[in-house]
Amino acid sequence: MDATIEAARAGEAGKGFSVVANEIKELAKQTAAATGEISAKVHSIQGSTNPTVKQIQQITQVIGEVSAVVASIVTAVEEKSTTTTEIAESISQASIGIQEVTENVAQVSIIAGDVAQDIAEVNQASESISQGSSDVKVKSGELSSLATQLQGLVSRFCL
């Protein structure tokens, strides 16, 4: 506004300056309008990015929670792996123990077979002895009878 007043005071020499001053005024108005539009757009962008920022913060929080869950899963898997290894070792040791027991049972079975055979032989010998005893008893009875007969015969001659 001051430029327009100065141009009017200068008269004919200030006419060119007046045109320039009017153009500057017009540019200032356009600049103010553009600044207002830019400000509105900035506010609009800020308004639309605020929810996005909040969502990014929520996503970051969820990622942190998922990371914690994954870490606990990794720990659990490592513990299960250790437990599985221990179980496998125990099964291996049990298998070795079962194999030893099986070998011992096989040896006991062989020994039991030998003992059964020995018992059968003892039974057979016992039966033979029993039969022999019966035969001796019968023969002893026969011998006793013969001795009695012989004694009777001898007594006839001795009179």
N, C-alpha and C. Protein backbone atom coordinates (compact mmCIF):
# COMPACT_ATOMS: atom_id res chain seq x y z
N MET A 1 0.82 -1.17 0.00
CA MET A 1 0.00 0.00 0.00
C MET A 1 0.88 1.25 0.00
N ASP A 2 1.93 1.24 0.77
CA ASP A 2 2.83 2.39 0.82
C ASP A 2 3.45 2.65 -0.56
N ALA A 3 3.70 1.61 -1.32
CA ALA A 3 4.30 1.77 -2.64
C ALA A 3 3.34 2.48 -3.58
N THR A 4 2.05 2.24 -3.48
CA THR A 4 1.06 2.90 -4.33
C THR A 4 1.01 4.39 -4.01
N ILE A 5 1.07 4.75 -2.73
CA ILE A 5 1.05 6.16 -2.31
C ILE A 5 2.29 6.86 -2.84
N GLU A 6 3.42 6.26 -2.72
CA GLU A 6 4.67 6.86 -3.19
C GLU A 6 4.64 7.02 -4.71
N ALA A 7 4.04 6.07 -5.41
CA ALA A 7 3.97 6.15 -6.87
C ALA A 7 3.06 7.30 -7.28
N ALA A 8 1.98 7.54 -6.56
CA ALA A 8 1.06 8.63 -6.87
C ALA A 8 1.75 9.96 -6.61
N ARG A 9 2.55 10.09 -5.60
CA ARG A 9 3.27 11.31 -5.30
C ARG A 9 4.32 11.61 -6.38
N ALA A 10 4.87 10.57 -6.91
CA ALA A 10 5.93 10.77 -7.90
C ALA A 10 5.34 11.20 -9.23
N GLY A 11 4.06 11.07 -9.39
CA GLY A 11 3.42 11.52 -10.62
C GLY A 11 3.70 10.57 -11.76
N GLU A 12 4.06 11.21 -12.95
CA GLU A 12 4.28 10.45 -14.17
C GLU A 12 5.45 9.49 -14.00
N ALA A 13 6.45 9.83 -13.29
CA ALA A 13 7.62 8.97 -13.10
C ALA A 13 7.27 7.78 -12.23
N GLY A 14 6.26 7.87 -11.43
CA GLY A 14 5.91 6.77 -10.52
C GLY A 14 4.92 5.80 -11.12
N LYS A 15 4.43 6.06 -12.39
CA LYS A 15 3.44 5.16 -12.99
C LYS A 15 4.01 3.76 -13.15
N GLY A 16 5.19 3.62 -13.62
CA GLY A 16 5.82 2.29 -13.80
C GLY A 16 5.99 1.59 -12.46
N PHE A 17 6.34 2.39 -11.48
CA PHE A 17 6.52 1.84 -10.14
C PHE A 17 5.17 1.37 -9.60
N SER A 18 4.09 2.10 -9.94
CA SER A 18 2.75 1.74 -9.49
C SER A 18 2.34 0.40 -10.07
N VAL A 19 2.67 0.18 -11.34
CA VAL A 19 2.33 -1.11 -11.98
C VAL A 19 3.08 -2.24 -11.28
N VAL A 20 4.35 -2.01 -11.01
CA VAL A 20 5.16 -3.03 -10.31
C VAL A 20 4.60 -3.26 -8.93
N ALA A 21 4.21 -2.18 -8.24
CA ALA A 21 3.66 -2.32 -6.89
C ALA A 21 2.37 -3.11 -6.93
N ASN A 22 1.52 -2.86 -7.94
CA ASN A 22 0.27 -3.63 -8.06
C ASN A 22 0.55 -5.11 -8.31
N GLU A 23 1.54 -5.37 -9.15
CA GLU A 23 1.91 -6.77 -9.43
C GLU A 23 2.43 -7.44 -8.16
N ILE A 24 3.21 -6.70 -7.40
CA ILE A 24 3.75 -7.26 -6.14
C ILE A 24 2.61 -7.54 -5.19
N LYS A 25 1.62 -6.61 -5.14
CA LYS A 25 0.45 -6.83 -4.27
C LYS A 25 -0.28 -8.09 -4.69
N GLU A 26 -0.46 -8.21 -6.02
CA GLU A 26 -1.19 -9.38 -6.55
C GLU A 26 -0.42 -10.66 -6.22
N LEU A 27 0.89 -10.62 -6.39
CA LEU A 27 1.72 -11.78 -6.04
C LEU A 27 1.64 -12.08 -4.55
N ALA A 28 1.60 -11.05 -3.74
CA ALA A 28 1.49 -11.24 -2.29
C ALA A 28 0.18 -11.92 -1.94
N LYS A 29 -0.92 -11.49 -2.63
CA LYS A 29 -2.22 -12.12 -2.39
C LYS A 29 -2.19 -13.59 -2.81
N GLN A 30 -1.60 -13.83 -4.00
CA GLN A 30 -1.51 -15.21 -4.50
C GLN A 30 -0.64 -16.06 -3.57
N THR A 31 0.44 -15.44 -3.08
CA THR A 31 1.33 -16.15 -2.14
C THR A 31 0.59 -16.48 -0.87
N ALA A 32 -0.21 -15.51 -0.37
CA ALA A 32 -0.98 -15.75 0.86
C ALA A 32 -1.99 -16.86 0.63
N ALA A 33 -2.66 -16.83 -0.55
CA ALA A 33 -3.65 -17.87 -0.85
C ALA A 33 -2.96 -19.23 -0.97
N ALA A 34 -1.82 -19.26 -1.68
CA ALA A 34 -1.08 -20.51 -1.85
C ALA A 34 -0.58 -21.02 -0.50
N THR A 35 -0.12 -20.08 0.35
CA THR A 35 0.34 -20.46 1.69
C THR A 35 -0.81 -21.06 2.48
N GLY A 36 -2.00 -20.48 2.36
CA GLY A 36 -3.18 -21.02 3.04
C GLY A 36 -3.50 -22.42 2.55
N GLU A 37 -3.44 -22.59 1.20
CA GLU A 37 -3.70 -23.91 0.63
C GLU A 37 -2.66 -24.92 1.09
N ILE A 38 -1.40 -24.51 1.05
CA ILE A 38 -0.31 -25.39 1.50
C ILE A 38 -0.51 -25.76 2.96
N SER A 39 -0.86 -24.78 3.77
CA SER A 39 -1.09 -25.03 5.20
C SER A 39 -2.23 -26.02 5.39
N ALA A 40 -3.32 -25.83 4.61
CA ALA A 40 -4.47 -26.74 4.70
C ALA A 40 -4.06 -28.15 4.28
N LYS A 41 -3.26 -28.23 3.20
CA LYS A 41 -2.81 -29.55 2.74
C LYS A 41 -1.89 -30.20 3.77
N VAL A 42 -1.01 -29.40 4.37
CA VAL A 42 -0.11 -29.94 5.41
C VAL A 42 -0.94 -30.48 6.57
N HIS A 43 -1.96 -29.69 7.00
CA HIS A 43 -2.84 -30.15 8.10
C HIS A 43 -3.58 -31.42 7.69
N SER A 44 -4.03 -31.46 6.43
CA SER A 44 -4.73 -32.64 5.93
C SER A 44 -3.80 -33.86 5.93
N ILE A 45 -2.57 -33.65 5.45
CA ILE A 45 -1.59 -34.74 5.43
C ILE A 45 -1.28 -35.20 6.84
N GLN A 46 -1.10 -34.23 7.75
CA GLN A 46 -0.84 -34.59 9.14
C GLN A 46 -2.02 -35.36 9.72
N GLY A 47 -3.23 -34.92 9.39
CA GLY A 47 -4.43 -35.61 9.88
C GLY A 47 -4.52 -37.03 9.36
N SER A 48 -4.13 -37.22 8.10
CA SER A 48 -4.21 -38.57 7.54
C SER A 48 -3.01 -39.43 7.95
N THR A 49 -1.88 -38.83 8.28
CA THR A 49 -0.72 -39.63 8.69
C THR A 49 -0.75 -39.99 10.17
N ASN A 50 -1.47 -39.21 10.98
CA ASN A 50 -1.54 -39.54 12.42
C ASN A 50 -2.09 -40.94 12.66
N PRO A 51 -3.20 -41.34 12.02
CA PRO A 51 -3.66 -42.73 12.21
C PRO A 51 -2.63 -43.75 11.73
N THR A 52 -1.95 -43.40 10.62
CA THR A 52 -0.93 -44.31 10.10
C THR A 52 0.20 -44.46 11.11
N VAL A 53 0.61 -43.37 11.71
CA VAL A 53 1.67 -43.41 12.73
C VAL A 53 1.22 -44.27 13.90
N LYS A 54 -0.05 -44.09 14.32
CA LYS A 54 -0.57 -44.89 15.43
C LYS A 54 -0.60 -46.37 15.06
N GLN A 55 -1.00 -46.65 13.81
CA GLN A 55 -1.03 -48.04 13.36
C GLN A 55 0.38 -48.62 13.31
N ILE A 56 1.33 -47.84 12.87
CA ILE A 56 2.73 -48.31 12.84
C ILE A 56 3.21 -48.60 14.25
N GLN A 57 2.83 -47.74 15.20
CA GLN A 57 3.20 -47.98 16.60
C GLN A 57 2.57 -49.27 17.11
N GLN A 58 1.29 -49.50 16.75
CA GLN A 58 0.62 -50.73 17.16
C GLN A 58 1.27 -51.95 16.52
N ILE A 59 1.62 -51.82 15.24
CA ILE A 59 2.29 -52.92 14.54
C ILE A 59 3.63 -53.21 15.20
N THR A 60 4.36 -52.15 15.56
CA THR A 60 5.64 -52.32 16.25
C THR A 60 5.45 -53.07 17.56
N GLN A 61 4.40 -52.71 18.29
CA GLN A 61 4.10 -53.38 19.57
C GLN A 61 3.77 -54.86 19.32
N VAL A 62 2.94 -55.13 18.30
CA VAL A 62 2.58 -56.52 17.98
C VAL A 62 3.82 -57.30 17.56
N ILE A 63 4.69 -56.68 16.79
CA ILE A 63 5.93 -57.35 16.38
C ILE A 63 6.77 -57.69 17.60
N GLY A 64 6.83 -56.79 18.56
CA GLY A 64 7.55 -57.06 19.81
C GLY A 64 6.94 -58.24 20.55
N GLU A 65 5.60 -58.28 20.62
CA GLU A 65 4.93 -59.39 21.30
C GLU A 65 5.17 -60.70 20.56
N VAL A 66 5.09 -60.67 19.23
CA VAL A 66 5.34 -61.87 18.43
C VAL A 66 6.78 -62.33 18.63
N SER A 67 7.69 -61.40 18.68
CA SER A 67 9.10 -61.73 18.91
C SER A 67 9.27 -62.44 20.25
N ALA A 68 8.58 -61.95 21.27
CA ALA A 68 8.65 -62.60 22.60
C ALA A 68 8.08 -64.00 22.54
N VAL A 69 6.95 -64.17 21.83
CA VAL A 69 6.34 -65.50 21.70
C VAL A 69 7.28 -66.44 20.95
N VAL A 70 7.88 -65.95 19.87
CA VAL A 70 8.82 -66.77 19.10
C VAL A 70 10.00 -67.17 19.97
N ALA A 71 10.50 -66.25 20.77
CA ALA A 71 11.62 -66.56 21.66
C ALA A 71 11.22 -67.65 22.65
N SER A 72 10.00 -67.57 23.19
CA SER A 72 9.57 -68.60 24.13
C SER A 72 9.37 -69.93 23.42
N ILE A 73 8.90 -69.89 22.17
CA ILE A 73 8.76 -71.13 21.39
C ILE A 73 10.13 -71.74 21.14
N VAL A 74 11.10 -70.92 20.78
CA VAL A 74 12.46 -71.42 20.55
C VAL A 74 13.00 -72.08 21.81
N THR A 75 12.78 -71.43 22.96
CA THR A 75 13.24 -71.99 24.23
C THR A 75 12.55 -73.33 24.48
N ALA A 76 11.24 -73.38 24.25
CA ALA A 76 10.49 -74.62 24.47
C ALA A 76 10.98 -75.73 23.54
N VAL A 77 11.24 -75.38 22.28
CA VAL A 77 11.73 -76.38 21.33
C VAL A 77 13.11 -76.89 21.75
N GLU A 78 13.96 -75.99 22.22
CA GLU A 78 15.29 -76.41 22.69
C GLU A 78 15.16 -77.34 23.89
N GLU A 79 14.24 -77.02 24.81
CA GLU A 79 14.03 -77.88 25.98
C GLU A 79 13.49 -79.24 25.54
N LYS A 80 12.54 -79.24 24.59
CA LYS A 80 11.98 -80.50 24.09
C LYS A 80 13.06 -81.31 23.40
N SER A 81 13.92 -80.63 22.67
CA SER A 81 15.01 -81.32 21.98
C SER A 81 15.93 -81.99 22.99
N THR A 82 16.26 -81.27 24.07
CA THR A 82 17.10 -81.84 25.12
C THR A 82 16.40 -83.03 25.76
N THR A 83 15.11 -82.88 26.06
CA THR A 83 14.34 -83.97 26.66
C THR A 83 14.29 -85.17 25.73
N THR A 84 14.08 -84.92 24.44
CA THR A 84 14.02 -86.00 23.46
C THR A 84 15.36 -86.73 23.39
N THR A 85 16.44 -85.99 23.44
CA THR A 85 17.77 -86.61 23.44
C THR A 85 17.95 -87.48 24.68
N GLU A 86 17.53 -86.98 25.83
CA GLU A 86 17.64 -87.76 27.07
C GLU A 86 16.78 -89.01 26.99
N ILE A 87 15.58 -88.90 26.43
CA ILE A 87 14.70 -90.07 26.29
C ILE A 87 15.35 -91.09 25.35
N ALA A 88 15.92 -90.62 24.25
CA ALA A 88 16.57 -91.52 23.30
C ALA A 88 17.73 -92.25 23.97
N GLU A 89 18.51 -91.53 24.79
CA GLU A 89 19.61 -92.17 25.51
C GLU A 89 19.09 -93.20 26.49
N SER A 90 18.00 -92.88 27.19
CA SER A 90 17.41 -93.82 28.15
C SER A 90 16.90 -95.06 27.43
N ILE A 91 16.26 -94.87 26.27
CA ILE A 91 15.77 -96.01 25.50
C ILE A 91 16.93 -96.87 25.03
N SER A 92 18.01 -96.23 24.61
CA SER A 92 19.19 -96.97 24.18
C SER A 92 19.76 -97.80 25.32
N GLN A 93 19.85 -97.18 26.51
CA GLN A 93 20.35 -97.91 27.67
C GLN A 93 19.41 -99.05 28.05
N ALA A 94 18.10 -98.80 27.97
CA ALA A 94 17.12 -99.85 28.28
C ALA A 94 17.24 -100.99 27.28
N SER A 95 17.48 -100.65 26.02
CA SER A 95 17.65 -101.67 24.98
C SER A 95 18.86 -102.54 25.27
N ILE A 96 19.95 -101.90 25.69
CA ILE A 96 21.16 -102.66 26.05
C ILE A 96 20.86 -103.57 27.24
N GLY A 97 20.14 -103.04 28.24
CA GLY A 97 19.76 -103.84 29.41
C GLY A 97 18.89 -105.02 29.02
N ILE A 98 17.93 -104.78 28.12
CA ILE A 98 17.05 -105.87 27.67
C ILE A 98 17.86 -106.92 26.92
N GLN A 99 18.81 -106.49 26.12
CA GLN A 99 19.65 -107.43 25.39
C GLN A 99 20.45 -108.29 26.37
N GLU A 100 20.99 -107.66 27.42
CA GLU A 100 21.75 -108.41 28.43
C GLU A 100 20.84 -109.41 29.14
N VAL A 101 19.62 -108.98 29.49
CA VAL A 101 18.68 -109.88 30.16
C VAL A 101 18.33 -111.04 29.23
N THR A 102 18.13 -110.74 27.95
CA THR A 102 17.81 -111.80 26.98
C THR A 102 18.95 -112.81 26.90
N GLU A 103 20.19 -112.30 26.86
CA GLU A 103 21.34 -113.21 26.84
C GLU A 103 21.39 -114.05 28.11
N ASN A 104 21.14 -113.42 29.27
CA ASN A 104 21.15 -114.15 30.54
C ASN A 104 20.05 -115.20 30.57
N VAL A 105 18.86 -114.84 30.07
CA VAL A 105 17.75 -115.80 30.04
C VAL A 105 18.12 -116.97 29.13
N ALA A 106 18.77 -116.68 28.00
CA ALA A 106 19.19 -117.75 27.09
C ALA A 106 20.18 -118.67 27.78
N GLN A 107 21.12 -118.09 28.53
CA GLN A 107 22.09 -118.90 29.26
C GLN A 107 21.40 -119.73 30.34
N VAL A 108 20.46 -119.12 31.06
CA VAL A 108 19.71 -119.84 32.09
C VAL A 108 18.90 -120.96 31.45
N SER A 109 18.35 -120.70 30.27
CA SER A 109 17.57 -121.72 29.56
C SER A 109 18.45 -122.90 29.20
N ILE A 110 19.66 -122.62 28.73
CA ILE A 110 20.61 -123.70 28.40
C ILE A 110 20.95 -124.48 29.66
N ILE A 111 21.25 -123.76 30.74
CA ILE A 111 21.59 -124.42 32.01
C ILE A 111 20.40 -125.23 32.50
N ALA A 112 19.19 -124.67 32.39
CA ALA A 112 17.99 -125.39 32.82
C ALA A 112 17.81 -126.65 32.00
N GLY A 113 18.10 -126.59 30.70
CA GLY A 113 18.03 -127.79 29.84
C GLY A 113 19.03 -128.83 30.30
N ASP A 114 20.25 -128.39 30.61
CA ASP A 114 21.28 -129.31 31.11
C ASP A 114 20.84 -129.94 32.42
N VAL A 115 20.29 -129.11 33.33
CA VAL A 115 19.83 -129.62 34.63
C VAL A 115 18.69 -130.61 34.42
N ALA A 116 17.76 -130.30 33.51
CA ALA A 116 16.64 -131.21 33.23
C ALA A 116 17.16 -132.54 32.70
N GLN A 117 18.17 -132.47 31.83
CA GLN A 117 18.77 -133.70 31.31
C GLN A 117 19.44 -134.49 32.43
N ASP A 118 20.17 -133.78 33.30
CA ASP A 118 20.81 -134.45 34.44
C ASP A 118 19.77 -135.09 35.35
N ILE A 119 18.66 -134.37 35.59
CA ILE A 119 17.60 -134.91 36.44
C ILE A 119 16.99 -136.15 35.79
N ALA A 120 16.81 -136.11 34.46
CA ALA A 120 16.27 -137.28 33.76
C ALA A 120 17.22 -138.46 33.91
N GLU A 121 18.52 -138.19 33.79
CA GLU A 121 19.51 -139.27 33.96
C GLU A 121 19.48 -139.80 35.39
N VAL A 122 19.36 -138.89 36.37
CA VAL A 122 19.29 -139.32 37.78
C VAL A 122 18.02 -140.15 38.00
N ASN A 123 16.90 -139.70 37.42
CA ASN A 123 15.65 -140.47 37.55
C ASN A 123 15.80 -141.85 36.94
N GLN A 124 16.44 -141.89 35.77
CA GLN A 124 16.65 -143.18 35.11
C GLN A 124 17.54 -144.07 35.97
N ALA A 125 18.61 -143.49 36.52
CA ALA A 125 19.51 -144.27 37.39
C ALA A 125 18.77 -144.71 38.64
N SER A 126 17.93 -143.81 39.16
CA SER A 126 17.15 -144.14 40.36
C SER A 126 16.18 -145.28 40.07
N GLU A 127 15.56 -145.24 38.88
CA GLU A 127 14.66 -146.33 38.51
C GLU A 127 15.43 -147.63 38.37
N SER A 128 16.64 -147.53 37.78
CA SER A 128 17.48 -148.73 37.64
C SER A 128 17.84 -149.28 39.01
N ILE A 129 18.20 -148.36 39.93
CA ILE A 129 18.56 -148.79 41.29
C ILE A 129 17.34 -149.40 41.97
N SER A 130 16.20 -148.76 41.79
CA SER A 130 14.97 -149.28 42.39
C SER A 130 14.65 -150.66 41.83
N GLN A 131 14.79 -150.81 40.51
CA GLN A 131 14.55 -152.12 39.89
C GLN A 131 15.56 -153.13 40.41
N GLY A 132 16.81 -152.67 40.51
CA GLY A 132 17.85 -153.56 41.04
C GLY A 132 17.54 -153.97 42.47
N SER A 133 17.06 -153.03 43.27
CA SER A 133 16.69 -153.34 44.66
C SER A 133 15.56 -154.35 44.70
N SER A 134 14.60 -154.14 43.82
CA SER A 134 13.47 -155.09 43.76
C SER A 134 13.97 -156.47 43.37
N ASP A 135 14.87 -156.49 42.38
CA ASP A 135 15.43 -157.78 41.94
C ASP A 135 16.22 -158.44 43.07
N VAL A 136 17.01 -157.62 43.80
CA VAL A 136 17.79 -158.16 44.94
C VAL A 136 16.84 -158.71 45.99
N LYS A 137 15.73 -158.01 46.24
CA LYS A 137 14.77 -158.45 47.25
C LYS A 137 14.15 -159.79 46.83
N VAL A 138 13.77 -159.86 45.54
CA VAL A 138 13.18 -161.11 45.03
C VAL A 138 14.21 -162.23 45.13
N LYS A 139 15.42 -161.93 44.67
CA LYS A 139 16.49 -162.95 44.70
C LYS A 139 16.83 -163.31 46.14
N SER A 140 16.77 -162.33 47.01
CA SER A 140 17.05 -162.58 48.42
C SER A 140 15.99 -163.51 49.00
N GLY A 141 14.73 -163.26 48.60
CA GLY A 141 13.64 -164.14 49.05
C GLY A 141 13.83 -165.55 48.51
N GLU A 142 14.23 -165.63 47.23
CA GLU A 142 14.47 -166.94 46.63
C GLU A 142 15.63 -167.63 47.33
N LEU A 143 16.67 -166.85 47.58
CA LEU A 143 17.86 -167.41 48.24
C LEU A 143 17.52 -167.88 49.65
N SER A 144 16.69 -167.10 50.33
CA SER A 144 16.27 -167.49 51.68
C SER A 144 15.48 -168.79 51.62
N SER A 145 14.64 -168.91 50.62
CA SER A 145 13.85 -170.13 50.46
C SER A 145 14.75 -171.31 50.16
N LEU A 146 15.74 -171.07 49.28
CA LEU A 146 16.69 -172.13 48.95
C LEU A 146 17.53 -172.50 50.18
N ALA A 147 17.89 -171.48 50.98
CA ALA A 147 18.68 -171.76 52.19
C ALA A 147 17.86 -172.61 53.15
N THR A 148 16.58 -172.32 53.24
CA THR A 148 15.71 -173.11 54.12
C THR A 148 15.61 -174.53 53.60
N GLN A 149 15.47 -174.67 52.30
CA GLN A 149 15.39 -176.00 51.72
C GLN A 149 16.71 -176.75 51.94
N LEU A 150 17.80 -176.05 51.73
CA LEU A 150 19.11 -176.66 51.89
C LEU A 150 19.33 -177.07 53.34
N GLN A 151 18.90 -176.27 54.23
CA GLN A 151 19.04 -176.57 55.65
C GLN A 151 18.21 -177.83 55.98
N GLY A 152 17.04 -177.91 55.36
CA GLY A 152 16.20 -179.10 55.57
C GLY A 152 16.88 -180.34 55.03
N LEU A 153 17.52 -180.21 53.89
CA LEU A 153 18.21 -181.34 53.30
C LEU A 153 19.44 -181.72 54.12
N VAL A 154 20.16 -180.76 54.59
CA VAL A 154 21.37 -181.01 55.38
C VAL A 154 20.97 -181.65 56.69
N SER A 155 19.87 -181.24 57.25
CA SER A 155 19.47 -181.80 58.53
C SER A 155 19.05 -183.25 58.37
N ARG A 156 18.68 -183.68 57.26
CA ARG A 156 18.34 -185.06 57.05
C ARG A 156 19.59 -185.93 57.06
N PHE A 157 20.68 -185.38 56.61
CA PHE A 157 21.91 -186.15 56.56
C PHE A 157 22.63 -186.16 57.89
N CYS A 158 22.43 -185.32 58.72
CA CYS A 158 23.18 -185.19 59.96
C CYS A 158 22.53 -185.95 61.10
N LEU A 159 21.87 -186.55 61.11
CA LEU A 159 21.25 -187.13 62.24
C LEU A 159 22.13 -187.82 63.11
